[in-house]
C-alpha atoms as a PDB file:
ATOM      1  CA  UNK A   1      89.369 104.434  80.734  1.00  0.00           C
ATOM      2  CA  UNK A   2      93.771 103.897  79.626  1.00  0.00           C
ATOM      3  CA  UNK A   3      96.622 106.124  78.522  1.00  0.00           C
ATOM      4  CA  UNK A   4      96.414 108.399  75.608  1.00  0.00           C
ATOM      5  CA  UNK A   5      99.042 106.004  73.557  1.00  0.00           C
ATOM      6  CA  UNK A   6     102.892 106.856  72.065  1.00  0.00           C
ATOM      7  CA  UNK A   7     102.789 110.290  72.842  1.00  0.00           C
ATOM      8  CA  UNK A   8     106.355 111.876  74.601  1.00  0.00           C
ATOM      9  CA  UNK A   9     105.575 112.351  78.499  1.00  0.00           C
ATOM     10  CA  UNK A  10     105.849 114.600  80.190  1.00  0.00           C
ATOM     11  CA  UNK A  11     105.397 117.703  78.316  1.00  0.00           C
ATOM     12  CA  UNK A  12     107.266 120.703  79.232  1.00  0.00           C
ATOM     13  CA  UNK A  13     105.084 122.797  80.999  1.00  0.00           C
ATOM     14  CA  UNK A  14     102.296 124.348  78.804  1.00  0.00           C
ATOM     15  CA  UNK A  15     100.979 128.467  79.972  1.00  0.00           C
ATOM     16  CA  UNK A  16      98.344 130.482  78.786  1.00  0.00           C
ATOM     17  CA  UNK A  17      97.865 134.003  79.915  1.00  0.00           C
ATOM     18  CA  UNK A  18      96.803 132.884  83.470  1.00  0.00           C
ATOM     19  CA  UNK A  19      97.836 128.855  83.714  1.00  0.00           C
ATOM     20  CA  UNK A  20      99.900 127.113  83.487  1.00  0.00           C
ATOM     21  CA  UNK A  21      99.729 122.758  82.943  1.00  0.00           C
ATOM     22  CA  UNK A  22     101.819 120.467  84.310  1.00  0.00           C
ATOM     23  CA  UNK A  23     102.393 117.118  85.862  1.00  0.00           C
ATOM     24  CA  UNK A  24     101.341 116.807  89.349  1.00  0.00           C
ATOM     25  CA  UNK A  25     104.001 116.990  92.362  1.00  0.00           C
ATOM     26  CA  UNK A  26     104.340 116.352  95.543  1.00  0.00           C
ATOM     27  CA  UNK A  27     103.209 119.583  96.290  1.00  0.00           C
ATOM     28  CA  UNK A  28      99.846 119.258  94.545  1.00  0.00           C
ATOM     29  CA  UNK A  29      98.770 116.672  97.459  1.00  0.00           C
ATOM     30  CA  UNK A  30      97.030 118.341  99.797  1.00  0.00           C
ATOM     31  CA  UNK A  31      95.274 120.567  96.860  1.00  0.00           C
ATOM     32  CA  UNK A  32      94.584 116.777  95.268  1.00  0.00           C
ATOM     33  CA  UNK A  33      93.082 115.346  98.474  1.00  0.00           C
ATOM     34  CA  UNK A  34      90.720 118.939  98.673  1.00  0.00           C
ATOM     35  CA  UNK A  35      89.642 118.302  95.567  1.00  0.00           C
ATOM     36  CA  UNK A  36      87.934 114.655  95.609  1.00  0.00           C
ATOM     37  CA  UNK A  37      86.518 115.531  99.212  1.00  0.00           C
ATOM     38  CA  UNK A  38      84.697 118.434  97.724  1.00  0.00           C
ATOM     39  CA  UNK A  39      80.564 117.329  98.031  1.00  0.00           C
ATOM     40  CA  UNK A  40      80.468 120.632  95.373  1.00  0.00           C
ATOM     41  CA  UNK A  41      82.908 119.629  92.635  1.00  0.00           C
ATOM     42  CA  UNK A  42      81.347 116.278  93.117  1.00  0.00           C
ATOM     43  CA  UNK A  43      76.836 117.331  92.205  1.00  0.00           C
ATOM     44  CA  UNK A  44      78.114 116.233  89.570  1.00  0.00           C
ATOM     45  CA  UNK A  45      79.891 113.273  90.397  1.00  0.00           C
ATOM     46  CA  UNK A  46      78.642 110.946  92.106  1.00  0.00           C
ATOM     47  CA  UNK A  47      79.344 112.753  95.311  1.00  0.00           C
ATOM     48  CA  UNK A  48      82.485 113.232  97.216  1.00  0.00           C
ATOM     49  CA  UNK A  49      85.406 110.732  98.893  1.00  0.00           C
ATOM     50  CA  UNK A  50      86.099 111.046 102.304  1.00  0.00           C
ATOM     51  CA  UNK A  51      88.632 112.816 103.199  1.00  0.00           C
ATOM     52  CA  UNK A  52      90.488 110.567 105.993  1.00  0.00           C
ATOM     53  CA  UNK A  53      89.903 107.321 103.487  1.00  0.00           C
ATOM     54  CA  UNK A  54      91.859 110.259 100.736  1.00  0.00           C
ATOM     55  CA  UNK A  55      94.559 110.986 103.242  1.00  0.00           C
ATOM     56  CA  UNK A  56      95.275 107.589 103.985  1.00  0.00           C
ATOM     57  CA  UNK A  57      95.193 106.725 100.016  1.00  0.00           C
ATOM     58  CA  UNK A  58      96.342 109.219  98.304  1.00  0.00           C
ATOM     59  CA  UNK A  59     100.224 107.941  97.426  1.00  0.00           C
ATOM     60  CA  UNK A  60     102.929 111.146  98.468  1.00  0.00           C
ATOM     61  CA  UNK A  61     102.804 112.081  95.051  1.00  0.00           C
ATOM     62  CA  UNK A  62      99.838 111.619  92.877  1.00  0.00           C
ATOM     63  CA  UNK A  63      99.232 109.726  90.369  1.00  0.00           C
ATOM     64  CA  UNK A  64     101.737 110.835  87.148  1.00  0.00           C
ATOM     65  CA  UNK A  65     100.285 109.576  83.910  1.00  0.00           C
ATOM     66  CA  UNK A  66      99.801 110.717  80.477  1.00  0.00           C
ATOM     67  CA  UNK A  67      97.559 112.823  79.810  1.00  0.00           C
ATOM     68  CA  UNK A  68      96.783 114.268  83.479  1.00  0.00           C
ATOM     69  CA  UNK A  69      97.720 117.591  84.225  1.00  0.00           C
ATOM     70  CA  UNK A  70      97.978 119.808  87.467  1.00  0.00           C
ATOM     71  CA  UNK A  71      96.456 123.402  86.507  1.00  0.00           C
ATOM     72  CA  UNK A  72      98.200 125.653  88.533  1.00  0.00           C
ATOM     73  CA  UNK A  73      96.964 129.685  88.600  1.00  0.00           C
ATOM     74  CA  UNK A  74     100.012 131.537  90.762  1.00  0.00           C
ATOM     75  CA  UNK A  75     102.231 128.553  91.386  1.00  0.00           C
ATOM     76  CA  UNK A  76      99.083 126.857  93.185  1.00  0.00           C
ATOM     77  CA  UNK A  77      96.710 123.820  92.428  1.00  0.00           C
ATOM     78  CA  UNK A  78      92.764 125.180  91.259  1.00  0.00           C
ATOM     79  CA  UNK A  79      92.087 121.978  89.460  1.00  0.00           C
ATOM     80  CA  UNK A  80      93.264 118.953  87.058  1.00  0.00           C
ATOM     81  CA  UNK A  81      92.613 117.963  83.505  1.00  0.00           C
ATOM     82  CA  UNK A  82      92.573 114.803  82.297  1.00  0.00           C
ATOM     83  CA  UNK A  83      92.801 112.830  78.929  1.00  0.00           C
ATOM     84  CA  UNK A  84      92.286 109.143  78.613  1.00  0.00           C
ATOM     85  CA  UNK A  85      91.064 106.934  76.255  1.00  0.00           C
ATOM     86  CA  UNK A  86      88.407 105.657  76.448  1.00  0.00           C
ATOM     87  CA  UNK A  87      89.106 102.194  75.766  1.00  0.00           C
ATOM     88  CA  UNK A  88      85.802 100.402  76.452  1.00  0.00           C
ATOM     89  CA  UNK A  89      83.110 103.387  77.192  1.00  0.00           C
ATOM     90  CA  UNK A  90      79.363 103.093  78.323  1.00  0.00           C
ATOM     91  CA  UNK A  91      78.639 104.860  74.891  1.00  0.00           C
ATOM     92  CA  UNK A  92      79.249 103.062  71.645  1.00  0.00           C
ATOM     93  CA  UNK A  93      80.156 106.744  70.441  1.00  0.00           C
ATOM     94  CA  UNK A  94      82.988 107.052  72.586  1.00  0.00           C
ATOM     95  CA  UNK A  95      84.572 103.978  72.670  1.00  0.00           C
ATOM     96  CA  UNK A  96      88.820 104.745  71.790  1.00  0.00           C
ATOM     97  CA  UNK A  97      88.503 108.944  71.612  1.00  0.00           C
ATOM     98  CA  UNK A  98      90.216 110.336  73.929  1.00  0.00           C
ATOM     99  CA  UNK A  99      88.014 111.595  76.892  1.00  0.00           C
ATOM    100  CA  UNK A 100      88.071 115.006  77.867  1.00  0.00           C
ATOM    101  CA  UNK A 101      87.380 115.465  82.347  1.00  0.00           C
ATOM    102  CA  UNK A 102      88.696 118.073  84.566  1.00  0.00           C
ATOM    103  CA  UNK A 103      87.752 119.158  87.763  1.00  0.00           C
ATOM    104  CA  UNK A 104      88.524 122.486  89.616  1.00  0.00           C
ATOM    105  CA  UNK A 105      88.516 123.422  93.047  1.00  0.00           C
ATOM    106  CA  UNK A 106      84.899 126.354  93.946  1.00  0.00           C
ATOM    107  CA  UNK A 107      87.357 128.718  94.745  1.00  0.00           C
ATOM    108  CA  UNK A 108      88.051 129.224  91.226  1.00  0.00           C
ATOM    109  CA  UNK A 109      84.851 128.603  90.188  1.00  0.00           C
ATOM    110  CA  UNK A 110      82.969 132.204  87.600  1.00  0.00           C
ATOM    111  CA  UNK A 111      87.244 133.019  86.278  1.00  0.00           C
ATOM    112  CA  UNK A 112      86.788 130.817  82.561  1.00  0.00           C
ATOM    113  CA  UNK A 113      90.215 129.104  84.551  1.00  0.00           C
ATOM    114  CA  UNK A 114      88.198 125.729  83.312  1.00  0.00           C
ATOM    115  CA  UNK A 115      87.823 127.263  79.840  1.00  0.00           C
ATOM    116  CA  UNK A 116      91.662 128.584  79.319  1.00  0.00           C
ATOM    117  CA  UNK A 117      92.896 125.231  81.021  1.00  0.00           C
ATOM    118  CA  UNK A 118      91.384 122.756  79.117  1.00  0.00           C
ATOM    119  CA  UNK A 119      91.548 124.876  75.735  1.00  0.00           C
ATOM    120  CA  UNK A 120      95.080 124.445  76.361  1.00  0.00           C
ATOM    121  CA  UNK A 121      95.248 121.038  77.097  1.00  0.00           C
ATOM    122  CA  UNK A 122      92.955 119.855  73.924  1.00  0.00           C
ATOM    123  CA  UNK A 123      95.500 122.491  71.876  1.00  0.00           C
ATOM    124  CA  UNK A 124      98.776 120.136  72.904  1.00  0.00           C
ATOM    125  CA  UNK A 125      96.806 117.040  72.311  1.00  0.00           C
ATOM    126  CA  UNK A 126      96.242 118.624  68.775  1.00  0.00           C
ATOM    127  CA  UNK A 127      99.821 118.872  68.564  1.00  0.00           C
ATOM    128  CA  UNK A 128     100.724 114.867  70.449  1.00  0.00           C
ATOM    129  CA  UNK A 129      97.890 112.954  68.450  1.00  0.00           C
ATOM    130  CA  UNK A 130      96.888 115.191  65.580  1.00  0.00           C
ATOM    131  CA  UNK A 131      93.776 114.312  63.764  1.00  0.00           C
ATOM    132  CA  UNK A 132      92.225 112.873  67.335  1.00  0.00           C
ATOM    133  CA  UNK A 133      88.531 113.135  67.855  1.00  0.00           C
ATOM    134  CA  UNK A 134      87.997 114.270  71.380  1.00  0.00           C
ATOM    135  CA  UNK A 135      84.296 113.114  74.038  1.00  0.00           C
ATOM    136  CA  UNK A 136      82.918 114.683  77.060  1.00  0.00           C
ATOM    137  CA  UNK A 137      80.495 113.597  79.495  1.00  0.00           C
ATOM    138  CA  UNK A 138      78.871 115.525  81.820  1.00  0.00           C
ATOM    139  CA  UNK A 139      74.620 115.236  83.577  1.00  0.00           C
ATOM    140  CA  UNK A 140      72.593 117.490  81.507  1.00  0.00           C
ATOM    141  CA  UNK A 141      71.645 119.701  84.467  1.00  0.00           C
ATOM    142  CA  UNK A 142      75.675 121.448  84.953  1.00  0.00           C
ATOM    143  CA  UNK A 143      74.638 124.061  83.257  1.00  0.00           C
ATOM    144  CA  UNK A 144      78.696 125.435  83.728  1.00  0.00           C
ATOM    145  CA  UNK A 145      79.684 121.722  81.945  1.00  0.00           C
ATOM    146  CA  UNK A 146      77.115 121.730  79.236  1.00  0.00           C
ATOM    147  CA  UNK A 147      78.223 125.691  79.033  1.00  0.00           C
ATOM    148  CA  UNK A 148      81.730 124.978  78.921  1.00  0.00           C
ATOM    149  CA  UNK A 149      81.260 122.442  76.177  1.00  0.00           C
ATOM    150  CA  UNK A 150      79.660 124.350  74.014  1.00  0.00           C
ATOM    151  CA  UNK A 151      82.680 127.083  74.335  1.00  0.00           C
ATOM    152  CA  UNK A 152      85.440 124.401  73.796  1.00  0.00           C
ATOM    153  CA  UNK A 153      83.522 123.434  70.124  1.00  0.00           C
ATOM    154  CA  UNK A 154      81.810 119.743  71.948  1.00  0.00           C
ATOM    155  CA  UNK A 155      77.795 118.747  70.113  1.00  0.00           C
ATOM    156  CA  UNK A 156      76.023 116.439  71.101  1.00  0.00           C
ATOM    157  CA  UNK A 157      76.299 113.546  70.049  1.00  0.00           C
ATOM    158  CA  UNK A 158      73.562 111.718  72.787  1.00  0.00           C
ATOM    159  CA  UNK A 159      72.250 111.703  75.646  1.00  0.00           C
ATOM    160  CA  UNK A 160      71.772 108.325  77.751  1.00  0.00           C
ATOM    161  CA  UNK A 161      70.361 107.730  81.591  1.00  0.00           C
ATOM    162  CA  UNK A 162      72.567 107.127  84.117  1.00  0.00           C
ATOM    163  CA  UNK A 163      73.635 106.871  86.989  1.00  0.00           C
ATOM    164  CA  UNK A 164      69.561 108.343  88.303  1.00  0.00           C
ATOM    165  CA  UNK A 165      70.627 110.799  85.897  1.00  0.00           C
ATOM    166  CA  UNK A 166      70.296 112.358  82.338  1.00  0.00           C
ATOM    167  CA  UNK A 167      73.441 112.698  80.542  1.00  0.00           C
ATOM    168  CA  UNK A 168      75.458 114.203  77.462  1.00  0.00           C
ATOM    169  CA  UNK A 169      77.735 113.159  75.407  1.00  0.00           C
ATOM    170  CA  UNK A 170      79.297 115.229  73.566  1.00  0.00           C
ATOM    171  CA  UNK A 171      81.925 115.239  70.705  1.00  0.00           C
ATOM    172  CA  UNK A 172      84.974 117.264  69.012  1.00  0.00           C
ATOM    173  CA  UNK A 173      85.651 116.454  65.953  1.00  0.00           C
ATOM    174  CA  UNK A 174      89.193 115.515  64.832  1.00  0.00           C
ATOM    175  CA  UNK A 175      90.777 119.357  63.858  1.00  0.00           C
ATOM    176  CA  UNK A 176      93.302 118.564  60.619  1.00  0.00           C
ATOM    177  CA  UNK A 177      96.570 119.774  61.226  1.00  0.00           C
ATOM    178  CA  UNK A 178      97.098 123.076  58.438  1.00  0.00           C
ATOM    179  CA  UNK A 179     100.081 123.021  56.297  1.00  0.00           C
END
């Protein structure tokens, strides 16, 4: 995965009705470790990383790069949105397109935060890189992620097998700017 390309970064904080999307800061380190060490979060992502390994390897300020948003609720990090260009992808239909990824802490699940944050990030992308198609891959067994993909306007391109499970690849067509 590579950066998005020529976009002004970082944007000012993106505010929704309940959330703020912003670049990572030093105060987010503990939440990043919790997110990456959570077996619940990584049920469909190949498993969590060991907490002690994350404690050793996580920089004091989590990596900042175009397309990486921290999602905050009431000032506290609850998740991360990732928008990255898939330079080479395991599926030809996704190569070169922007790939949407997201991780949220289990305590925030079931409140619509992922939908709200992903929609805000996609709106930002539509303004920053008009006309970009976006892909999203998830395990087809991940019912919540499948529902979110449909809600965000992704439609199935294909299903394939990877990591001993059926995967789903969806595409959100480019949004054309209105005049």
